[in-house]
């Protein structure tokens, strides 16, 4: 770890321990939406999540995202120091690790899920590609990347390249990677990290604790889609979820936080709100379909810092 990072971490810890982070965040009086992804029990232990939720409950008011949307729509403002919790991707560890804590502490949240992945018991495509490529020996991986005509052999660069491909080209690349890694067999830790919730699990969640939102049908990068595919991924996701859950699904989350004018227009037709990956607070006058969020952090002092710095780690 560099000296600069050590200094930054020390300052984060000092501000957290002294209460300065909480004091500054509460004094700002901002509404915040926090973005979580996987809580796999290893890299992100459940005990750490629980400690973070207890900290948030102590210093702020955790409310359903729908309550914030309602205030913004009706009064063009939100209550001071309200926080909403969002969990992206519909991972099974949200059901096994997150939901029990939310229920025990009576804390509301929203899970954004992809019904097509649930139906087919599939991982998010980028997570599957990443794990399959990393399972290959370097020489074999380089060969697969050459066959794909990828611009690089580094796994993360390949995933980034695939995100920009048109949908059918990306699916062809996925198929080629699966064919080259036919012996890939995920271990228990990978399953804990990347497996998707089942319909039975999703439907058993108490709606008074966890609201369900749409994250498209299959988690594509929406800006790469044709008009028909875009309409399907956005509109069909809501229909599918409402049919299964027997309740309205009014809120949306952009995969990878990526959208353009066409995506935004399509989302507006189907949903009351949408969250992005842009960092920042929520306030009066905000576009309800481009709501900002703050990334969580494994380290509680860093999360506390981000709350008063509105997402940045910088000093």
C-alpha atoms as a PDB file:
ATOM      1  CA  UNK A   1       0.000   0.000   0.000  1.00  0.00           C
ATOM      2  CA  UNK A   2       1.364   3.406  -0.953  1.00  0.00           C
ATOM      3  CA  UNK A   3       2.053   6.090   1.641  1.00  0.00           C
ATOM      4  CA  UNK A   4      -0.735   8.216   0.191  1.00  0.00           C
ATOM      5  CA  UNK A   5      -3.255   5.397   0.603  1.00  0.00           C
ATOM      6  CA  UNK A   6      -2.083   4.763   4.157  1.00  0.00           C
ATOM      7  CA  UNK A   7      -2.578   8.419   5.024  1.00  0.00           C
ATOM      8  CA  UNK A   8      -6.002   8.426   3.396  1.00  0.00           C
ATOM      9  CA  UNK A   9      -7.069   5.305   5.307  1.00  0.00           C
ATOM     10  CA  UNK A  10      -5.779   6.757   8.582  1.00  0.00           C
ATOM     11  CA  UNK A  11      -7.763   9.963   8.057  1.00  0.00           C
ATOM     12  CA  UNK A  12     -10.918   7.991   7.228  1.00  0.00           C
ATOM     13  CA  UNK A  13     -10.489   5.981  10.448  1.00  0.00           C
ATOM     14  CA  UNK A  14      -9.842   9.116  12.541  1.00  0.00           C
ATOM     15  CA  UNK A  15     -12.928  10.893  11.213  1.00  0.00           C
ATOM     16  CA  UNK A  16     -15.039   7.790  11.862  1.00  0.00           C
ATOM     17  CA  UNK A  17     -13.719   7.109  15.386  1.00  0.00           C
ATOM     18  CA  UNK A  18     -14.036  10.739  16.445  1.00  0.00           C
ATOM     19  CA  UNK A  19     -17.576  11.022  15.066  1.00  0.00           C
ATOM     20  CA  UNK A  20     -16.609  13.816  12.685  1.00  0.00           C
ATOM     21  CA  UNK A  21     -17.832  11.906   9.603  1.00  0.00           C
ATOM     22  CA  UNK A  22     -21.275  11.323  11.132  1.00  0.00           C
ATOM     23  CA  UNK A  23     -21.478  14.890  12.453  1.00  0.00           C
ATOM     24  CA  UNK A  24     -20.628  16.434   9.084  1.00  0.00           C
ATOM     25  CA  UNK A  25     -22.969  14.142   7.162  1.00  0.00           C
ATOM     26  CA  UNK A  26     -25.923  14.869   9.466  1.00  0.00           C
ATOM     27  CA  UNK A  27     -25.228  18.602   9.453  1.00  0.00           C
ATOM     28  CA  UNK A  28     -25.404  18.630   5.644  1.00  0.00           C
ATOM     29  CA  UNK A  29     -28.999  17.406   5.816  1.00  0.00           C
ATOM     30  CA  UNK A  30     -28.846  15.554   2.514  1.00  0.00           C
ATOM     31  CA  UNK A  31     -30.846  12.569   1.329  1.00  0.00           C
ATOM     32  CA  UNK A  32     -28.639   9.723   0.143  1.00  0.00           C
ATOM     33  CA  UNK A  33     -29.153   6.460  -1.749  1.00  0.00           C
ATOM     34  CA  UNK A  34     -26.510   3.807  -1.075  1.00  0.00           C
ATOM     35  CA  UNK A  35     -25.555   1.216  -3.672  1.00  0.00           C
ATOM     36  CA  UNK A  36     -24.639  -2.331  -2.649  1.00  0.00           C
ATOM     37  CA  UNK A  37     -23.768  -5.326  -4.793  1.00  0.00           C
ATOM     38  CA  UNK A  38     -22.747  -8.730  -3.445  1.00  0.00           C
ATOM     39  CA  UNK A  39     -22.457  -9.561   0.250  1.00  0.00           C
ATOM     40  CA  UNK A  40     -20.883 -12.977  -0.173  1.00  0.00           C
ATOM     41  CA  UNK A  41     -19.835 -13.680   3.407  1.00  0.00           C
ATOM     42  CA  UNK A  42     -16.123 -13.784   2.479  1.00  0.00           C
ATOM     43  CA  UNK A  43     -14.877 -10.619   0.787  1.00  0.00           C
ATOM     44  CA  UNK A  44     -17.879  -8.822   2.244  1.00  0.00           C
ATOM     45  CA  UNK A  45     -18.853 -10.635   5.470  1.00  0.00           C
ATOM     46  CA  UNK A  46     -22.380 -10.435   6.810  1.00  0.00           C
ATOM     47  CA  UNK A  47     -21.065  -9.136  10.137  1.00  0.00           C
ATOM     48  CA  UNK A  48     -19.584  -6.114   8.389  1.00  0.00           C
ATOM     49  CA  UNK A  49     -22.863  -5.385   6.625  1.00  0.00           C
ATOM     50  CA  UNK A  50     -24.734  -5.617   9.918  1.00  0.00           C
ATOM     51  CA  UNK A  51     -22.285  -3.234  11.598  1.00  0.00           C
ATOM     52  CA  UNK A  52     -22.749  -0.786   8.713  1.00  0.00           C
ATOM     53  CA  UNK A  53     -26.537  -0.969   8.909  1.00  0.00           C
ATOM     54  CA  UNK A  54     -26.462  -0.404  12.663  1.00  0.00           C
ATOM     55  CA  UNK A  55     -24.233   2.633  12.110  1.00  0.00           C
ATOM     56  CA  UNK A  56     -26.588   4.014   9.471  1.00  0.00           C
ATOM     57  CA  UNK A  57     -29.623   3.403  11.689  1.00  0.00           C
ATOM     58  CA  UNK A  58     -27.947   5.198  14.580  1.00  0.00           C
ATOM     59  CA  UNK A  59     -27.065   8.352  12.681  1.00  0.00           C
ATOM     60  CA  UNK A  60     -29.662   8.569   9.893  1.00  0.00           C
ATOM     61  CA  UNK A  61     -33.214   7.545   9.041  1.00  0.00           C
ATOM     62  CA  UNK A  62     -33.342   4.555   6.695  1.00  0.00           C
ATOM     63  CA  UNK A  63     -36.496   4.712   4.591  1.00  0.00           C
ATOM     64  CA  UNK A  64     -37.852   2.848   1.554  1.00  0.00           C
ATOM     65  CA  UNK A  65     -36.725   4.315  -1.750  1.00  0.00           C
ATOM     66  CA  UNK A  66     -40.399   4.727  -2.632  1.00  0.00           C
ATOM     67  CA  UNK A  67     -40.807   7.178   0.263  1.00  0.00           C
ATOM     68  CA  UNK A  68     -38.038   9.380  -1.125  1.00  0.00           C
ATOM     69  CA  UNK A  69     -39.530   9.223  -4.617  1.00  0.00           C
ATOM     70  CA  UNK A  70     -42.959  10.171  -3.248  1.00  0.00           C
ATOM     71  CA  UNK A  71     -41.580  13.230  -1.467  1.00  0.00           C
ATOM     72  CA  UNK A  72     -39.599  14.357  -4.478  1.00  0.00           C
ATOM     73  CA  UNK A  73     -42.611  13.971  -6.744  1.00  0.00           C
ATOM     74  CA  UNK A  74     -45.168  15.633  -4.489  1.00  0.00           C
ATOM     75  CA  UNK A  75     -43.068  18.271  -2.747  1.00  0.00           C
ATOM     76  CA  UNK A  76     -39.960  18.550  -4.924  1.00  0.00           C
ATOM     77  CA  UNK A  77     -37.874  17.876  -1.835  1.00  0.00           C
ATOM     78  CA  UNK A  78     -36.810  15.032   0.436  1.00  0.00           C
ATOM     79  CA  UNK A  79     -36.485  14.815   4.196  1.00  0.00           C
ATOM     80  CA  UNK A  80     -33.117  15.672   5.702  1.00  0.00           C
ATOM     81  CA  UNK A  81     -30.793  12.790   6.479  1.00  0.00           C
ATOM     82  CA  UNK A  82     -32.966  10.089   4.939  1.00  0.00           C
ATOM     83  CA  UNK A  83     -31.105   7.125   3.464  1.00  0.00           C
ATOM     84  CA  UNK A  84     -32.366   4.429   1.087  1.00  0.00           C
ATOM     85  CA  UNK A  85     -30.544   1.129   0.567  1.00  0.00           C
ATOM     86  CA  UNK A  86     -30.324  -0.463  -2.892  1.00  0.00           C
ATOM     87  CA  UNK A  87     -28.919  -3.898  -3.772  1.00  0.00           C
ATOM     88  CA  UNK A  88     -28.189  -4.594  -7.447  1.00  0.00           C
ATOM     89  CA  UNK A  89     -28.267  -7.813  -9.493  1.00  0.00           C
ATOM     90  CA  UNK A  90     -30.618 -10.170  -7.597  1.00  0.00           C
ATOM     91  CA  UNK A  91     -27.793 -12.301  -6.213  1.00  0.00           C
ATOM     92  CA  UNK A  92     -28.654 -15.247  -4.033  1.00  0.00           C
ATOM     93  CA  UNK A  93     -26.459 -13.872  -1.267  1.00  0.00           C
ATOM     94  CA  UNK A  94     -28.905 -10.984  -1.022  1.00  0.00           C
ATOM     95  CA  UNK A  95     -31.462 -13.558   0.066  1.00  0.00           C
ATOM     96  CA  UNK A  96     -29.204 -15.678   2.275  1.00  0.00           C
ATOM     97  CA  UNK A  97     -26.959 -12.982   3.802  1.00  0.00           C
ATOM     98  CA  UNK A  98     -28.649  -9.604   3.422  1.00  0.00           C
ATOM     99  CA  UNK A  99     -32.361 -10.257   3.813  1.00  0.00           C
ATOM    100  CA  UNK A 100     -32.112 -11.947   7.256  1.00  0.00           C
ATOM    101  CA  UNK A 101     -30.252  -8.907   8.624  1.00  0.00           C
ATOM    102  CA  UNK A 102     -32.726  -6.459   7.124  1.00  0.00           C
ATOM    103  CA  UNK A 103     -35.603  -8.452   8.570  1.00  0.00           C
ATOM    104  CA  UNK A 104     -34.045  -8.782  12.024  1.00  0.00           C
ATOM    105  CA  UNK A 105     -33.241  -5.064  12.218  1.00  0.00           C
ATOM    106  CA  UNK A 106     -36.509  -4.066  10.485  1.00  0.00           C
ATOM    107  CA  UNK A 107     -34.629  -2.021   7.883  1.00  0.00           C
ATOM    108  CA  UNK A 108     -36.185  -1.401   4.439  1.00  0.00           C
ATOM    109  CA  UNK A 109     -34.322  -1.831   1.150  1.00  0.00           C
ATOM    110  CA  UNK A 110     -34.878  -2.472  -2.542  1.00  0.00           C
ATOM    111  CA  UNK A 111     -33.446  -5.407  -4.520  1.00  0.00           C
ATOM    112  CA  UNK A 112     -33.041  -4.789  -8.265  1.00  0.00           C
ATOM    113  CA  UNK A 113     -33.330  -8.133 -10.086  1.00  0.00           C
ATOM    114  CA  UNK A 114     -33.181  -9.609 -13.600  1.00  0.00           C
ATOM    115  CA  UNK A 115     -36.059 -12.073 -14.174  1.00  0.00           C
ATOM    116  CA  UNK A 116     -34.426 -13.686 -17.210  1.00  0.00           C
ATOM    117  CA  UNK A 117     -31.395 -14.671 -15.150  1.00  0.00           C
ATOM    118  CA  UNK A 118     -33.653 -16.066 -12.431  1.00  0.00           C
ATOM    119  CA  UNK A 119     -35.633 -18.085 -14.954  1.00  0.00           C
ATOM    120  CA  UNK A 120     -32.530 -19.604 -16.580  1.00  0.00           C
ATOM    121  CA  UNK A 121     -30.447 -19.880 -13.393  1.00  0.00           C
ATOM    122  CA  UNK A 122     -27.684 -17.849 -15.050  1.00  0.00           C
ATOM    123  CA  UNK A 123     -25.014 -15.629 -13.579  1.00  0.00           C
ATOM    124  CA  UNK A 124     -24.567 -12.106 -14.852  1.00  0.00           C
ATOM    125  CA  UNK A 125     -22.745 -12.586 -18.149  1.00  0.00           C
ATOM    126  CA  UNK A 126     -19.741 -10.430 -17.214  1.00  0.00           C
ATOM    127  CA  UNK A 127     -19.194 -12.341 -13.974  1.00  0.00           C
ATOM    128  CA  UNK A 128     -19.362 -15.679 -15.763  1.00  0.00           C
ATOM    129  CA  UNK A 129     -16.965 -14.535 -18.499  1.00  0.00           C
ATOM    130  CA  UNK A 130     -14.541 -13.170 -15.919  1.00  0.00           C
ATOM    131  CA  UNK A 131     -14.447 -16.384 -13.879  1.00  0.00           C
ATOM    132  CA  UNK A 132     -14.173 -18.642 -16.938  1.00  0.00           C
ATOM    133  CA  UNK A 133     -11.279 -16.685 -18.433  1.00  0.00           C
ATOM    134  CA  UNK A 134      -9.454 -16.510 -15.116  1.00  0.00           C
ATOM    135  CA  UNK A 135      -9.724 -20.289 -14.830  1.00  0.00           C
ATOM    136  CA  UNK A 136      -7.627 -20.734 -17.992  1.00  0.00           C
ATOM    137  CA  UNK A 137      -3.859 -20.951 -18.038  1.00  0.00           C
ATOM    138  CA  UNK A 138      -2.348 -17.701 -19.398  1.00  0.00           C
ATOM    139  CA  UNK A 139      -1.248 -19.237 -22.686  1.00  0.00           C
ATOM    140  CA  UNK A 140      -4.654 -20.779 -23.352  1.00  0.00           C
ATOM    141  CA  UNK A 141      -6.394 -17.557 -22.321  1.00  0.00           C
ATOM    142  CA  UNK A 142      -4.279 -15.593 -24.784  1.00  0.00           C
ATOM    143  CA  UNK A 143      -5.273 -18.044 -27.508  1.00  0.00           C
ATOM    144  CA  UNK A 144      -8.972 -17.660 -26.750  1.00  0.00           C
ATOM    145  CA  UNK A 145      -8.627 -13.871 -26.820  1.00  0.00           C
ATOM    146  CA  UNK A 146      -6.905 -14.040 -30.198  1.00  0.00           C
ATOM    147  CA  UNK A 147      -9.728 -16.204 -31.529  1.00  0.00           C
ATOM    148  CA  UNK A 148     -12.220 -13.620 -30.273  1.00  0.00           C
ATOM    149  CA  UNK A 149     -10.139 -10.850 -31.855  1.00  0.00           C
ATOM    150  CA  UNK A 150     -10.237  -9.073 -28.526  1.00  0.00           C
ATOM    151  CA  UNK A 151      -7.921  -6.049 -28.333  1.00  0.00           C
ATOM    152  CA  UNK A 152      -6.148  -7.408 -25.230  1.00  0.00           C
ATOM    153  CA  UNK A 153      -5.529 -10.606 -23.254  1.00  0.00           C
ATOM    154  CA  UNK A 154      -6.142  -9.109 -19.826  1.00  0.00           C
ATOM    155  CA  UNK A 155      -9.417 -10.426 -18.382  1.00  0.00           C
ATOM    156  CA  UNK A 156     -10.766  -7.066 -17.258  1.00  0.00           C
ATOM    157  CA  UNK A 157      -9.922  -5.484 -20.595  1.00  0.00           C
ATOM    158  CA  UNK A 158     -11.723  -8.299 -22.414  1.00  0.00           C
ATOM    159  CA  UNK A 159     -14.838  -7.806 -20.266  1.00  0.00           C
ATOM    160  CA  UNK A 160     -14.699  -4.047 -20.874  1.00  0.00           C
ATOM    161  CA  UNK A 161     -14.387  -4.683 -24.633  1.00  0.00           C
ATOM    162  CA  UNK A 162     -17.347  -7.075 -24.607  1.00  0.00           C
ATOM    163  CA  UNK A 163     -19.519  -4.502 -22.844  1.00  0.00           C
ATOM    164  CA  UNK A 164     -19.246  -2.278 -25.912  1.00  0.00           C
ATOM    165  CA  UNK A 165     -20.162  -4.982 -28.434  1.00  0.00           C
ATOM    166  CA  UNK A 166     -23.623  -5.181 -30.049  1.00  0.00           C
ATOM    167  CA  UNK A 167     -25.805  -7.718 -28.251  1.00  0.00           C
ATOM    168  CA  UNK A 168     -25.482 -10.579 -30.734  1.00  0.00           C
ATOM    169  CA  UNK A 169     -21.717 -10.102 -31.061  1.00  0.00           C
ATOM    170  CA  UNK A 170     -21.373 -10.175 -27.296  1.00  0.00           C
ATOM    171  CA  UNK A 171     -23.449 -13.346 -27.055  1.00  0.00           C
ATOM    172  CA  UNK A 172     -21.286 -14.976 -29.729  1.00  0.00           C
ATOM    173  CA  UNK A 173     -18.191 -14.089 -27.716  1.00  0.00           C
ATOM    174  CA  UNK A 174     -19.806 -15.565 -24.595  1.00  0.00           C
ATOM    175  CA  UNK A 175     -20.561 -18.804 -26.452  1.00  0.00           C
ATOM    176  CA  UNK A 176     -16.975 -19.034 -27.683  1.00  0.00           C
ATOM    177  CA  UNK A 177     -15.652 -18.561 -24.144  1.00  0.00           C
ATOM    178  CA  UNK A 178     -18.024 -21.210 -22.789  1.00  0.00           C
ATOM    179  CA  UNK A 179     -16.902 -23.632 -25.488  1.00  0.00           C
ATOM    180  CA  UNK A 180     -13.255 -22.986 -24.632  1.00  0.00           C
ATOM    181  CA  UNK A 181     -13.935 -23.527 -20.913  1.00  0.00           C
ATOM    182  CA  UNK A 182     -16.246 -26.530 -21.106  1.00  0.00           C
ATOM    183  CA  UNK A 183     -14.623 -28.082 -18.027  1.00  0.00           C
ATOM    184  CA  UNK A 184     -15.244 -25.000 -15.871  1.00  0.00           C
ATOM    185  CA  UNK A 185     -16.987 -26.016 -12.662  1.00  0.00           C
ATOM    186  CA  UNK A 186     -17.619 -23.209 -10.163  1.00  0.00           C
ATOM    187  CA  UNK A 187     -16.547 -23.880  -6.599  1.00  0.00           C
ATOM    188  CA  UNK A 188     -18.579 -23.144  -3.478  1.00  0.00           C
ATOM    189  CA  UNK A 189     -17.098 -19.694  -3.030  1.00  0.00           C
ATOM    190  CA  UNK A 190     -17.864 -18.680  -6.614  1.00  0.00           C
ATOM    191  CA  UNK A 191     -21.423 -19.933  -6.240  1.00  0.00           C
ATOM    192  CA  UNK A 192     -21.829 -17.961  -3.015  1.00  0.00           C
ATOM    193  CA  UNK A 193     -20.595 -14.854  -4.796  1.00  0.00           C
ATOM    194  CA  UNK A 194     -22.356 -15.077  -8.162  1.00  0.00           C
ATOM    195  CA  UNK A 195     -25.396 -17.389  -8.000  1.00  0.00           C
ATOM    196  CA  UNK A 196     -28.761 -15.735  -8.650  1.00  0.00           C
ATOM    197  CA  UNK A 197     -31.844 -15.916  -6.432  1.00  0.00           C
ATOM    198  CA  UNK A 198     -34.566 -18.399  -7.348  1.00  0.00           C
ATOM    199  CA  UNK A 199     -38.184 -17.463  -7.953  1.00  0.00           C
ATOM    200  CA  UNK A 200     -39.153 -19.283  -4.758  1.00  0.00           C
ATOM    201  CA  UNK A 201     -36.666 -17.241  -2.751  1.00  0.00           C
ATOM    202  CA  UNK A 202     -37.632 -13.946  -4.358  1.00  0.00           C
ATOM    203  CA  UNK A 203     -41.352 -14.516  -3.889  1.00  0.00           C
ATOM    204  CA  UNK A 204     -40.864 -15.429  -0.218  1.00  0.00           C
ATOM    205  CA  UNK A 205     -39.328 -12.044   0.654  1.00  0.00           C
ATOM    206  CA  UNK A 206     -41.521  -9.866   2.880  1.00  0.00           C
ATOM    207  CA  UNK A 207     -42.572  -6.868   0.736  1.00  0.00           C
ATOM    208  CA  UNK A 208     -42.874  -4.714   3.857  1.00  0.00           C
ATOM    209  CA  UNK A 209     -39.098  -5.089   4.282  1.00  0.00           C
ATOM    210  CA  UNK A 210     -37.769  -5.420   0.731  1.00  0.00           C
ATOM    211  CA  UNK A 211     -39.227  -3.808  -2.355  1.00  0.00           C
ATOM    212  CA  UNK A 212     -38.349  -5.410  -5.698  1.00  0.00           C
ATOM    213  CA  UNK A 213     -37.198  -3.344  -8.658  1.00  0.00           C
ATOM    214  CA  UNK A 214     -36.251  -4.139 -12.241  1.00  0.00           C
ATOM    215  CA  UNK A 215     -32.663  -4.436 -13.465  1.00  0.00           C
ATOM    216  CA  UNK A 216     -33.682  -5.435 -17.032  1.00  0.00           C
ATOM    217  CA  UNK A 217     -34.381  -9.004 -18.173  1.00  0.00           C
ATOM    218  CA  UNK A 218     -30.787 -10.203 -18.649  1.00  0.00           C
ATOM    219  CA  UNK A 219     -28.487  -7.303 -17.603  1.00  0.00           C
ATOM    220  CA  UNK A 220     -27.216  -6.113 -21.001  1.00  0.00           C
ATOM    221  CA  UNK A 221     -25.507  -2.785 -21.580  1.00  0.00           C
ATOM    222  CA  UNK A 222     -28.600  -0.919 -22.711  1.00  0.00           C
ATOM    223  CA  UNK A 223     -26.833   1.536 -25.018  1.00  0.00           C
ATOM    224  CA  UNK A 224     -25.693  -1.368 -27.236  1.00  0.00           C
ATOM    225  CA  UNK A 225     -29.241  -2.582 -27.974  1.00  0.00           C
ATOM    226  CA  UNK A 226     -31.561  -2.148 -30.930  1.00  0.00           C
ATOM    227  CA  UNK A 227     -34.868  -0.386 -30.330  1.00  0.00           C
ATOM    228  CA  UNK A 228     -36.739  -3.710 -30.140  1.00  0.00           C
ATOM    229  CA  UNK A 229     -34.236  -5.282 -27.745  1.00  0.00           C
ATOM    230  CA  UNK A 230     -34.262  -2.156 -25.605  1.00  0.00           C
ATOM    231  CA  UNK A 231     -38.047  -2.222 -25.344  1.00  0.00           C
ATOM    232  CA  UNK A 232     -37.957  -5.909 -24.415  1.00  0.00           C
ATOM    233  CA  UNK A 233     -35.267  -5.638 -21.751  1.00  0.00           C
ATOM    234  CA  UNK A 234     -36.908  -2.666 -20.047  1.00  0.00           C
ATOM    235  CA  UNK A 235     -40.628  -3.308 -20.485  1.00  0.00           C
ATOM    236  CA  UNK A 236     -40.741  -7.089 -20.325  1.00  0.00           C
ATOM    237  CA  UNK A 237     -38.743  -7.131 -17.109  1.00  0.00           C
ATOM    238  CA  UNK A 238     -41.484  -5.225 -15.303  1.00  0.00           C
ATOM    239  CA  UNK A 239     -44.243  -7.410 -16.748  1.00  0.00           C
ATOM    240  CA  UNK A 240     -42.414 -10.610 -15.838  1.00  0.00           C
ATOM    241  CA  UNK A 241     -41.715  -9.512 -12.270  1.00  0.00           C
ATOM    242  CA  UNK A 242     -45.253  -8.256 -11.663  1.00  0.00           C
ATOM    243  CA  UNK A 243     -46.686 -11.518 -12.954  1.00  0.00           C
ATOM    244  CA  UNK A 244     -44.513 -13.535 -10.583  1.00  0.00           C
ATOM    245  CA  UNK A 245     -44.717 -11.272  -7.547  1.00  0.00           C
ATOM    246  CA  UNK A 246     -48.355 -10.192  -7.908  1.00  0.00           C
ATOM    247  CA  UNK A 247     -47.529  -6.593  -7.024  1.00  0.00           C
ATOM    248  CA  UNK A 248     -46.388  -3.433  -8.836  1.00  0.00           C
ATOM    249  CA  UNK A 249     -42.739  -3.056  -9.852  1.00  0.00           C
ATOM    250  CA  UNK A 250     -42.221   0.655 -10.370  1.00  0.00           C
ATOM    251  CA  UNK A 251     -38.486   1.265  -9.935  1.00  0.00           C
ATOM    252  CA  UNK A 252     -35.549   0.581 -12.244  1.00  0.00           C
ATOM    253  CA  UNK A 253     -31.763   0.325 -12.104  1.00  0.00           C
ATOM    254  CA  UNK A 254     -29.510   0.783 -15.174  1.00  0.00           C
ATOM    255  CA  UNK A 255     -27.058  -2.106 -15.662  1.00  0.00           C
ATOM    256  CA  UNK A 256     -23.557  -0.733 -15.124  1.00  0.00           C
ATOM    257  CA  UNK A 257     -25.214   2.653 -14.671  1.00  0.00           C
ATOM    258  CA  UNK A 258     -25.089   3.195 -18.441  1.00  0.00           C
ATOM    259  CA  UNK A 259     -27.849   4.999 -20.333  1.00  0.00           C
ATOM    260  CA  UNK A 260     -28.372   7.510 -23.127  1.00  0.00           C
ATOM    261  CA  UNK A 261     -31.323   9.563 -24.352  1.00  0.00           C
ATOM    262  CA  UNK A 262     -33.077   6.580 -25.976  1.00  0.00           C
ATOM    263  CA  UNK A 263     -32.639   4.404 -22.874  1.00  0.00           C
ATOM    264  CA  UNK A 264     -33.852   7.196 -20.609  1.00  0.00           C
ATOM    265  CA  UNK A 265     -36.935   7.776 -22.737  1.00  0.00           C
ATOM    266  CA  UNK A 266     -37.787   4.066 -22.674  1.00  0.00           C
ATOM    267  CA  UNK A 267     -37.343   3.821 -18.904  1.00  0.00           C
ATOM    268  CA  UNK A 268     -39.561   6.866 -18.338  1.00  0.00           C
ATOM    269  CA  UNK A 269     -42.433   5.060 -20.093  1.00  0.00           C
ATOM    270  CA  UNK A 270     -42.352   2.083 -17.731  1.00  0.00           C
ATOM    271  CA  UNK A 271     -41.045   3.180 -14.329  1.00  0.00           C
ATOM    272  CA  UNK A 272     -41.572   5.818 -11.653  1.00  0.00           C
ATOM    273  CA  UNK A 273     -37.858   6.138 -10.932  1.00  0.00           C
ATOM    274  CA  UNK A 274     -34.440   4.869 -11.949  1.00  0.00           C
ATOM    275  CA  UNK A 275     -31.105   4.890 -10.141  1.00  0.00           C
ATOM    276  CA  UNK A 276     -27.765   5.496 -11.822  1.00  0.00           C
ATOM    277  CA  UNK A 277     -24.147   4.962 -10.826  1.00  0.00           C
ATOM    278  CA  UNK A 278     -23.372   8.680 -10.724  1.00  0.00           C
ATOM    279  CA  UNK A 279     -22.110   9.633  -7.274  1.00  0.00           C
ATOM    280  CA  UNK A 280     -23.872  12.238  -5.201  1.00  0.00           C
ATOM    281  CA  UNK A 281     -26.826  13.219  -3.032  1.00  0.00           C
ATOM    282  CA  UNK A 282     -30.523  13.248  -3.844  1.00  0.00           C
ATOM    283  CA  UNK A 283     -32.379  16.514  -3.698  1.00  0.00           C
ATOM    284  CA  UNK A 284     -35.221  18.678  -4.938  1.00  0.00           C
ATOM    285  CA  UNK A 285     -35.233  19.218  -8.680  1.00  0.00           C
ATOM    286  CA  UNK A 286     -33.421  15.947  -9.405  1.00  0.00           C
ATOM    287  CA  UNK A 287     -34.552  13.895 -12.374  1.00  0.00           C
ATOM    288  CA  UNK A 288     -36.342  10.892 -10.837  1.00  0.00           C
ATOM    289  CA  UNK A 289     -34.960   8.675 -13.599  1.00  0.00           C
ATOM    290  CA  UNK A 290     -31.324   9.690 -13.073  1.00  0.00           C
ATOM    291  CA  UNK A 291     -31.002   9.461  -9.308  1.00  0.00           C
ATOM    292  CA  UNK A 292     -27.486   9.541  -7.906  1.00  0.00           C
ATOM    293  CA  UNK A 293     -26.121   7.018  -5.433  1.00  0.00           C
ATOM    294  CA  UNK A 294     -23.166   6.524  -3.111  1.00  0.00           C
ATOM    295  CA  UNK A 295     -21.144   3.311  -3.324  1.00  0.00           C
ATOM    296  CA  UNK A 296     -20.855   1.276  -0.181  1.00  0.00           C
ATOM    297  CA  UNK A 297     -17.445   0.178   1.080  1.00  0.00           C
ATOM    298  CA  UNK A 298     -16.289  -2.901   2.933  1.00  0.00           C
ATOM    299  CA  UNK A 299     -14.575  -0.708   5.533  1.00  0.00           C
ATOM    300  CA  UNK A 300     -17.056   1.133   7.758  1.00  0.00           C
ATOM    301  CA  UNK A 301     -14.754   4.176   8.194  1.00  0.00           C
ATOM    302  CA  UNK A 302     -14.633   4.549   4.410  1.00  0.00           C
ATOM    303  CA  UNK A 303     -18.414   4.260   4.092  1.00  0.00           C
ATOM    304  CA  UNK A 304     -18.811   6.883   6.833  1.00  0.00           C
ATOM    305  CA  UNK A 305     -16.378   9.139   4.945  1.00  0.00           C
ATOM    306  CA  UNK A 306     -18.236   8.725   1.663  1.00  0.00           C
ATOM    307  CA  UNK A 307     -21.499   9.763   3.286  1.00  0.00           C
ATOM    308  CA  UNK A 308     -20.238  13.239   4.090  1.00  0.00           C
ATOM    309  CA  UNK A 309     -18.022  13.486   0.994  1.00  0.00           C
ATOM    310  CA  UNK A 310     -20.926  12.307  -1.226  1.00  0.00           C
ATOM    311  CA  UNK A 311     -19.133   9.329  -2.687  1.00  0.00           C
ATOM    312  CA  UNK A 312     -15.518  10.383  -3.025  1.00  0.00           C
ATOM    313  CA  UNK A 313     -12.616   8.795  -1.124  1.00  0.00           C
ATOM    314  CA  UNK A 314     -10.390  11.839  -1.599  1.00  0.00           C
ATOM    315  CA  UNK A 315      -9.195  13.904   1.349  1.00  0.00           C
END
